[in-house]
Amino acid sequence: MAPLDGFNCMPLLVMARFRRWDDIMALPQPDPALPVSNGMWHYARGLALASRGKVAEAQAEVAALEKIAPEMAKVPTGAPGLKNAGIIPKLAAHVVESRIEWAQGKKDAAIQHVREAVTLQDDMDYTEPPDWFYPTRESLGGLLLQAGRAAEAEKVFRDDLERNPRNPRSLFGLMQALRAQGREYDAEWVGQQFEAAWKNADTKLRVEDL
């Protein structure tokens, strides 16, 4: 069943979510008959390589992802029609490009790529579970926060929490954005919500993880 191709790469996306770069780089390439699995394999490798400052290699993974994008767009997702299938490779490429730009110190360009990813995700048809595996506003807020733009980051995290109530990663980001603005009382209140939402996790979050 062609739609199962998207589910086949979920373990890989969990690794990407938790920045398991060594595990990702150790994975063999999926069967060529699975375009979504292959595209997301290139996506995850691009993230891993960019995180290590290997810009040229990460760019090669983006090029490979873009080459397979037309075949990815033909694989049905959980949404009616093929709209989301066509958006996913574009969104993935922007996320990796943002990390590549960030690795080169090009903060504004990196932030713009994630803004493009957010716009693409907002245009996707609604599905349960969502056809893209995490809210890209987390990444946008995280980069804004690291760039010293805490007030903008606060707005982005609040926007995500309107769409994904009690999302612990956005609660964490919002808490850090408030602290960066010297709003300790507000940060403490949000921090209590974060601790409640994250209480069963075995991973300690950092802003860089967003």
C-alpha atoms as a PDB file:
ATOM      1  CA  MET A   1       0.000   0.000   0.000  1.00  0.00           C
ATOM      2  CA  ALA A   2       1.652   3.195  -1.196  1.00  0.00           C
ATOM      3  CA  PRO A   3       0.446   5.416   1.708  1.00  0.00           C
ATOM      4  CA  LEU A   4       2.314   3.183   4.162  1.00  0.00           C
ATOM      5  CA  ASP A   5       5.568   4.580   2.755  1.00  0.00           C
ATOM      6  CA  GLY A   6       5.008   7.652   4.924  1.00  0.00           C
ATOM      7  CA  PHE A   7       4.614   5.551   8.056  1.00  0.00           C
ATOM      8  CA  ASN A   8       7.706   3.513   7.217  1.00  0.00           C
ATOM      9  CA  CYS A   9       9.980   6.484   7.944  1.00  0.00           C
ATOM     10  CA  MET A  10       8.503   7.337  11.357  1.00  0.00           C
ATOM     11  CA  PRO A  11      11.382   5.772  13.363  1.00  0.00           C
ATOM     12  CA  LEU A  12      13.779   7.945  11.359  1.00  0.00           C
ATOM     13  CA  LEU A  13      11.737  11.065  12.112  1.00  0.00           C
ATOM     14  CA  VAL A  14      11.740  10.236  15.827  1.00  0.00           C
ATOM     15  CA  MET A  15      15.541  10.154  15.611  1.00  0.00           C
ATOM     16  CA  ALA A  16      15.503  13.549  13.917  1.00  0.00           C
ATOM     17  CA  ARG A  17      13.133  14.921  16.557  1.00  0.00           C
ATOM     18  CA  PHE A  18      15.607  13.976  19.286  1.00  0.00           C
ATOM     19  CA  ARG A  19      18.746  14.916  17.339  1.00  0.00           C
ATOM     20  CA  ARG A  20      20.070  11.353  17.194  1.00  0.00           C
ATOM     21  CA  TRP A  21      22.551  12.269  14.490  1.00  0.00           C
ATOM     22  CA  ASP A  22      24.865   9.263  14.873  1.00  0.00           C
ATOM     23  CA  ASP A  23      21.918   6.881  14.630  1.00  0.00           C
ATOM     24  CA  ILE A  24      20.643   8.660  11.539  1.00  0.00           C
ATOM     25  CA  MET A  25      23.991   8.555   9.760  1.00  0.00           C
ATOM     26  CA  ALA A  26      24.288   4.826  10.493  1.00  0.00           C
ATOM     27  CA  LEU A  27      21.021   3.961   8.744  1.00  0.00           C
ATOM     28  CA  PRO A  28      21.234   2.386   5.276  1.00  0.00           C
ATOM     29  CA  GLN A  29      19.373   3.990   2.409  1.00  0.00           C
ATOM     30  CA  PRO A  30      15.804   2.682   2.067  1.00  0.00           C
ATOM     31  CA  ASP A  31      14.568   0.611  -0.848  1.00  0.00           C
ATOM     32  CA  PRO A  32      14.497   2.793  -4.007  1.00  0.00           C
ATOM     33  CA  ALA A  33      10.851   1.771  -4.489  1.00  0.00           C
ATOM     34  CA  LEU A  34       9.929   3.904  -1.444  1.00  0.00           C
ATOM     35  CA  PRO A  35      10.200   7.568  -2.487  1.00  0.00           C
ATOM     36  CA  VAL A  36       8.902   9.076   0.768  1.00  0.00           C
ATOM     37  CA  SER A  37      11.232   6.966   2.892  1.00  0.00           C
ATOM     38  CA  ASN A  38      14.138   7.940   0.655  1.00  0.00           C
ATOM     39  CA  GLY A  39      13.242  11.616   0.668  1.00  0.00           C
ATOM     40  CA  MET A  40      12.978  11.743   4.433  1.00  0.00           C
ATOM     41  CA  TRP A  41      16.235   9.784   4.741  1.00  0.00           C
ATOM     42  CA  HIS A  42      17.950  12.575   2.788  1.00  0.00           C
ATOM     43  CA  TYR A  43      16.132  15.145   4.946  1.00  0.00           C
ATOM     44  CA  ALA A  44      17.329  13.574   8.206  1.00  0.00           C
ATOM     45  CA  ARG A  45      20.885  13.185   6.910  1.00  0.00           C
ATOM     46  CA  GLY A  46      20.847  16.819   5.838  1.00  0.00           C
ATOM     47  CA  LEU A  47      19.922  17.871   9.365  1.00  0.00           C
ATOM     48  CA  ALA A  48      22.624  15.651  10.858  1.00  0.00           C
ATOM     49  CA  LEU A  49      25.320  16.944   8.521  1.00  0.00           C
ATOM     50  CA  ALA A  50      24.321  20.595   8.937  1.00  0.00           C
ATOM     51  CA  SER A  51      24.439  20.202  12.711  1.00  0.00           C
ATOM     52  CA  ARG A  52      28.055  19.100  12.347  1.00  0.00           C
ATOM     53  CA  GLY A  53      28.941  22.019  10.094  1.00  0.00           C
ATOM     54  CA  LYS A  54      29.326  19.821   7.008  1.00  0.00           C
ATOM     55  CA  VAL A  55      27.687  22.330   4.702  1.00  0.00           C
ATOM     56  CA  ALA A  56      28.580  20.858   1.303  1.00  0.00           C
ATOM     57  CA  GLU A  57      27.441  17.379   2.309  1.00  0.00           C
ATOM     58  CA  ALA A  58      24.190  18.748   3.746  1.00  0.00           C
ATOM     59  CA  GLN A  59      23.545  20.679   0.537  1.00  0.00           C
ATOM     60  CA  ALA A  60      24.033  17.457  -1.421  1.00  0.00           C
ATOM     61  CA  GLU A  61      21.318  15.822   0.693  1.00  0.00           C
ATOM     62  CA  VAL A  62      18.945  18.717  -0.064  1.00  0.00           C
ATOM     63  CA  ALA A  63      19.668  18.312  -3.780  1.00  0.00           C
ATOM     64  CA  ALA A  64      18.896  14.589  -3.516  1.00  0.00           C
ATOM     65  CA  LEU A  65      15.668  15.355  -1.669  1.00  0.00           C
ATOM     66  CA  GLU A  66      14.601  17.863  -4.319  1.00  0.00           C
ATOM     67  CA  LYS A  67      15.384  15.352  -7.072  1.00  0.00           C
ATOM     68  CA  ILE A  68      13.061  12.749  -5.552  1.00  0.00           C
ATOM     69  CA  ALA A  69      10.353  15.308  -4.651  1.00  0.00           C
ATOM     70  CA  PRO A  70       8.195  14.684  -7.768  1.00  0.00           C
ATOM     71  CA  GLU A  71       7.939  10.978  -6.880  1.00  0.00           C
ATOM     72  CA  MET A  72       7.187  11.817  -3.237  1.00  0.00           C
ATOM     73  CA  ALA A  73       4.337  14.043  -4.420  1.00  0.00           C
ATOM     74  CA  LYS A  74       2.658  11.053  -6.063  1.00  0.00           C
ATOM     75  CA  VAL A  75       2.342   9.064  -2.833  1.00  0.00           C
ATOM     76  CA  PRO A  76      -1.045   9.628  -1.124  1.00  0.00           C
ATOM     77  CA  THR A  77      -0.992  10.828   2.471  1.00  0.00           C
ATOM     78  CA  GLY A  78      -3.759  10.914   5.067  1.00  0.00           C
ATOM     79  CA  ALA A  79      -5.336  13.951   3.380  1.00  0.00           C
ATOM     80  CA  PRO A  80      -7.713  13.804   0.404  1.00  0.00           C
ATOM     81  CA  GLY A  81      -5.892  14.289  -2.878  1.00  0.00           C
ATOM     82  CA  LEU A  82      -2.153  14.938  -3.188  1.00  0.00           C
ATOM     83  CA  LYS A  83      -1.767  18.493  -1.899  1.00  0.00           C
ATOM     84  CA  ASN A  84       0.080  17.553   1.289  1.00  0.00           C
ATOM     85  CA  ALA A  85       2.268  15.048  -0.542  1.00  0.00           C
ATOM     86  CA  GLY A  86       3.532  17.846  -2.763  1.00  0.00           C
ATOM     87  CA  ILE A  87       4.132  20.206   0.152  1.00  0.00           C
ATOM     88  CA  ILE A  88       6.128  17.803   2.342  1.00  0.00           C
ATOM     89  CA  PRO A  89       9.378  17.723   0.289  1.00  0.00           C
ATOM     90  CA  LYS A  90       9.349  21.518  -0.083  1.00  0.00           C
ATOM     91  CA  LEU A  91       8.814  21.972   3.638  1.00  0.00           C
ATOM     92  CA  ALA A  92      11.557  19.450   4.444  1.00  0.00           C
ATOM     93  CA  ALA A  93      14.016  21.201   2.137  1.00  0.00           C
ATOM     94  CA  HIS A  94      13.382  24.562   3.805  1.00  0.00           C
ATOM     95  CA  VAL A  95      13.990  23.069   7.259  1.00  0.00           C
ATOM     96  CA  VAL A  96      17.350  21.628   6.187  1.00  0.00           C
ATOM     97  CA  GLU A  97      18.293  24.805   4.317  1.00  0.00           C
ATOM     98  CA  SER A  98      17.640  26.779   7.490  1.00  0.00           C
ATOM     99  CA  ARG A  99      20.116  24.602   9.394  1.00  0.00           C
ATOM    100  CA  ILE A 100      22.672  24.958   6.612  1.00  0.00           C
ATOM    101  CA  GLU A 101      22.377  28.747   6.679  1.00  0.00           C
ATOM    102  CA  TRP A 102      22.582  28.737  10.472  1.00  0.00           C
ATOM    103  CA  ALA A 103      25.756  26.632  10.361  1.00  0.00           C
ATOM    104  CA  GLN A 104      27.299  29.336   8.167  1.00  0.00           C
ATOM    105  CA  GLY A 105      26.294  32.132  10.538  1.00  0.00           C
ATOM    106  CA  LYS A 106      23.599  33.434   8.186  1.00  0.00           C
ATOM    107  CA  LYS A 107      20.948  33.884  10.841  1.00  0.00           C
ATOM    108  CA  ASP A 108      18.472  36.006   8.887  1.00  0.00           C
ATOM    109  CA  ALA A 109      18.531  33.601   5.930  1.00  0.00           C
ATOM    110  CA  ALA A 110      18.059  30.653   8.289  1.00  0.00           C
ATOM    111  CA  ILE A 111      15.067  32.299   9.929  1.00  0.00           C
ATOM    112  CA  GLN A 112      13.519  33.111   6.545  1.00  0.00           C
ATOM    113  CA  HIS A 113      13.744  29.475   5.459  1.00  0.00           C
ATOM    114  CA  VAL A 114      11.851  28.389   8.571  1.00  0.00           C
ATOM    115  CA  ARG A 115       9.246  31.100   7.968  1.00  0.00           C
ATOM    116  CA  GLU A 116       8.726  29.543   4.533  1.00  0.00           C
ATOM    117  CA  ALA A 117       8.367  26.127   6.173  1.00  0.00           C
ATOM    118  CA  VAL A 118       5.755  27.509   8.577  1.00  0.00           C
ATOM    119  CA  THR A 119       3.794  29.015   5.692  1.00  0.00           C
ATOM    120  CA  LEU A 120       3.850  25.699   3.839  1.00  0.00           C
ATOM    121  CA  GLN A 121       2.741  23.788   6.918  1.00  0.00           C
ATOM    122  CA  ASP A 122      -0.122  26.211   7.501  1.00  0.00           C
ATOM    123  CA  ASP A 123      -1.293  25.519   3.942  1.00  0.00           C
ATOM    124  CA  MET A 124      -1.490  21.747   4.464  1.00  0.00           C
ATOM    125  CA  ASP A 125      -4.846  20.027   4.686  1.00  0.00           C
ATOM    126  CA  TYR A 126      -5.867  18.895   8.156  1.00  0.00           C
ATOM    127  CA  THR A 127      -5.167  15.271   9.025  1.00  0.00           C
ATOM    128  CA  GLU A 128      -4.914  13.172  12.178  1.00  0.00           C
ATOM    129  CA  PRO A 129      -2.085  12.580  12.778  1.00  0.00           C
ATOM    130  CA  PRO A 130      -0.673  15.580  10.892  1.00  0.00           C
ATOM    131  CA  ASP A 131       1.157  14.749   7.678  1.00  0.00           C
ATOM    132  CA  TRP A 132       4.211  16.714   8.898  1.00  0.00           C
ATOM    133  CA  PHE A 133       5.664  15.298  12.073  1.00  0.00           C
ATOM    134  CA  TYR A 134       6.156  18.401  14.237  1.00  0.00           C
ATOM    135  CA  PRO A 135       5.060  22.062  14.438  1.00  0.00           C
ATOM    136  CA  THR A 136       7.689  24.092  12.564  1.00  0.00           C
ATOM    137  CA  ARG A 137       6.894  27.135  14.686  1.00  0.00           C
ATOM    138  CA  GLU A 138       8.993  25.421  17.346  1.00  0.00           C
ATOM    139  CA  SER A 139      12.028  25.752  15.064  1.00  0.00           C
ATOM    140  CA  LEU A 140      11.193  29.312  14.081  1.00  0.00           C
ATOM    141  CA  GLY A 141      10.809  30.394  17.697  1.00  0.00           C
ATOM    142  CA  GLY A 142      14.012  28.589  18.642  1.00  0.00           C
ATOM    143  CA  LEU A 143      16.072  30.344  15.972  1.00  0.00           C
ATOM    144  CA  LEU A 144      14.584  33.732  16.812  1.00  0.00           C
ATOM    145  CA  LEU A 145      15.418  33.171  20.458  1.00  0.00           C
ATOM    146  CA  GLN A 146      19.005  32.176  19.659  1.00  0.00           C
ATOM    147  CA  ALA A 147      19.292  35.256  17.437  1.00  0.00           C
ATOM    148  CA  GLY A 148      18.397  37.494  20.389  1.00  0.00           C
ATOM    149  CA  ARG A 149      14.902  38.306  19.109  1.00  0.00           C
ATOM    150  CA  ALA A 150      13.022  37.181  22.205  1.00  0.00           C
ATOM    151  CA  ALA A 151       9.869  39.261  21.686  1.00  0.00           C
ATOM    152  CA  GLU A 152       9.390  37.806  18.203  1.00  0.00           C
ATOM    153  CA  ALA A 153      10.076  34.331  19.544  1.00  0.00           C
ATOM    154  CA  GLU A 154       7.444  34.837  22.246  1.00  0.00           C
ATOM    155  CA  LYS A 155       4.816  35.628  19.617  1.00  0.00           C
ATOM    156  CA  VAL A 156       5.729  32.570  17.546  1.00  0.00           C
ATOM    157  CA  PHE A 157       5.535  30.223  20.527  1.00  0.00           C
ATOM    158  CA  ARG A 158       2.195  31.706  21.573  1.00  0.00           C
ATOM    159  CA  ASP A 159       0.889  31.244  18.020  1.00  0.00           C
ATOM    160  CA  ASP A 160       1.881  27.599  18.131  1.00  0.00           C
ATOM    161  CA  LEU A 161       0.259  27.068  21.517  1.00  0.00           C
ATOM    162  CA  GLU A 162      -3.007  28.384  20.092  1.00  0.00           C
ATOM    163  CA  ARG A 163      -2.785  25.671  17.434  1.00  0.00           C
ATOM    164  CA  ASN A 164      -1.267  22.967  19.650  1.00  0.00           C
ATOM    165  CA  PRO A 165      -2.380  23.594  23.246  1.00  0.00           C
ATOM    166  CA  ARG A 166       0.085  22.472  25.923  1.00  0.00           C
ATOM    167  CA  ASN A 167       2.772  21.596  23.386  1.00  0.00           C
ATOM    168  CA  PRO A 168       5.649  21.205  25.862  1.00  0.00           C
ATOM    169  CA  ARG A 169       8.354  22.302  23.439  1.00  0.00           C
ATOM    170  CA  SER A 170       6.571  25.565  22.742  1.00  0.00           C
ATOM    171  CA  LEU A 171       5.884  26.018  26.446  1.00  0.00           C
ATOM    172  CA  PHE A 172       9.607  25.590  27.032  1.00  0.00           C
ATOM    173  CA  GLY A 173      10.437  28.062  24.276  1.00  0.00           C
ATOM    174  CA  LEU A 174       7.911  30.565  25.587  1.00  0.00           C
ATOM    175  CA  MET A 175       9.372  30.253  29.088  1.00  0.00           C
ATOM    176  CA  GLN A 176      12.873  30.955  27.745  1.00  0.00           C
ATOM    177  CA  ALA A 177      11.641  33.881  25.635  1.00  0.00           C
ATOM    178  CA  LEU A 178       9.990  35.460  28.653  1.00  0.00           C
ATOM    179  CA  ARG A 179      13.124  35.008  30.744  1.00  0.00           C
ATOM    180  CA  ALA A 180      15.202  36.626  28.019  1.00  0.00           C
ATOM    181  CA  GLN A 181      12.943  39.673  28.314  1.00  0.00           C
ATOM    182  CA  GLY A 182      13.318  39.793  32.100  1.00  0.00           C
ATOM    183  CA  ARG A 183       9.737  38.704  32.730  1.00  0.00           C
ATOM    184  CA  GLU A 184      10.527  36.191  35.449  1.00  0.00           C
ATOM    185  CA  TYR A 185       7.047  36.022  36.987  1.00  0.00           C
ATOM    186  CA  ASP A 186       5.435  35.181  33.653  1.00  0.00           C
ATOM    187  CA  ALA A 187       8.244  32.737  32.869  1.00  0.00           C
ATOM    188  CA  GLU A 188       7.743  30.928  36.165  1.00  0.00           C
ATOM    189  CA  TRP A 189       4.007  30.536  35.510  1.00  0.00           C
ATOM    190  CA  VAL A 190       4.657  29.116  32.025  1.00  0.00           C
ATOM    191  CA  GLY A 191       7.418  26.965  33.484  1.00  0.00           C
ATOM    192  CA  GLN A 192       4.925  25.255  35.766  1.00  0.00           C
ATOM    193  CA  GLN A 193       2.819  24.364  32.724  1.00  0.00           C
ATOM    194  CA  PHE A 194       5.904  23.057  30.950  1.00  0.00           C
ATOM    195  CA  GLU A 195       6.937  20.888  33.900  1.00  0.00           C
ATOM    196  CA  ALA A 196       3.443  19.390  34.079  1.00  0.00           C
ATOM    197  CA  ALA A 197       3.407  18.640  30.332  1.00  0.00           C
ATOM    198  CA  TRP A 198       6.991  17.260  30.299  1.00  0.00           C
ATOM    199  CA  LYS A 199       6.894  15.350  33.587  1.00  0.00           C
ATOM    200  CA  ASN A 200       7.104  11.888  32.036  1.00  0.00           C
ATOM    201  CA  ALA A 201       9.874  12.731  29.563  1.00  0.00           C
ATOM    202  CA  ASP A 202      13.406  11.402  29.954  1.00  0.00           C
ATOM    203  CA  THR A 203      14.957  14.128  27.773  1.00  0.00           C
ATOM    204  CA  LYS A 204      16.129  17.518  29.000  1.00  0.00           C
ATOM    205  CA  LEU A 205      15.298  20.276  26.534  1.00  0.00           C
ATOM    206  CA  ARG A 206      17.600  23.046  25.378  1.00  0.00           C
ATOM    207  CA  VAL A 207      16.735  25.979  23.127  1.00  0.00           C
ATOM    208  CA  GLU A 208      19.077  24.488  20.518  1.00  0.00           C
ATOM    209  CA  ASP A 209      16.909  21.369  20.430  1.00  0.00           C
ATOM    210  CA  LEU A 210      13.969  23.292  19.031  1.00  0.00           C
END
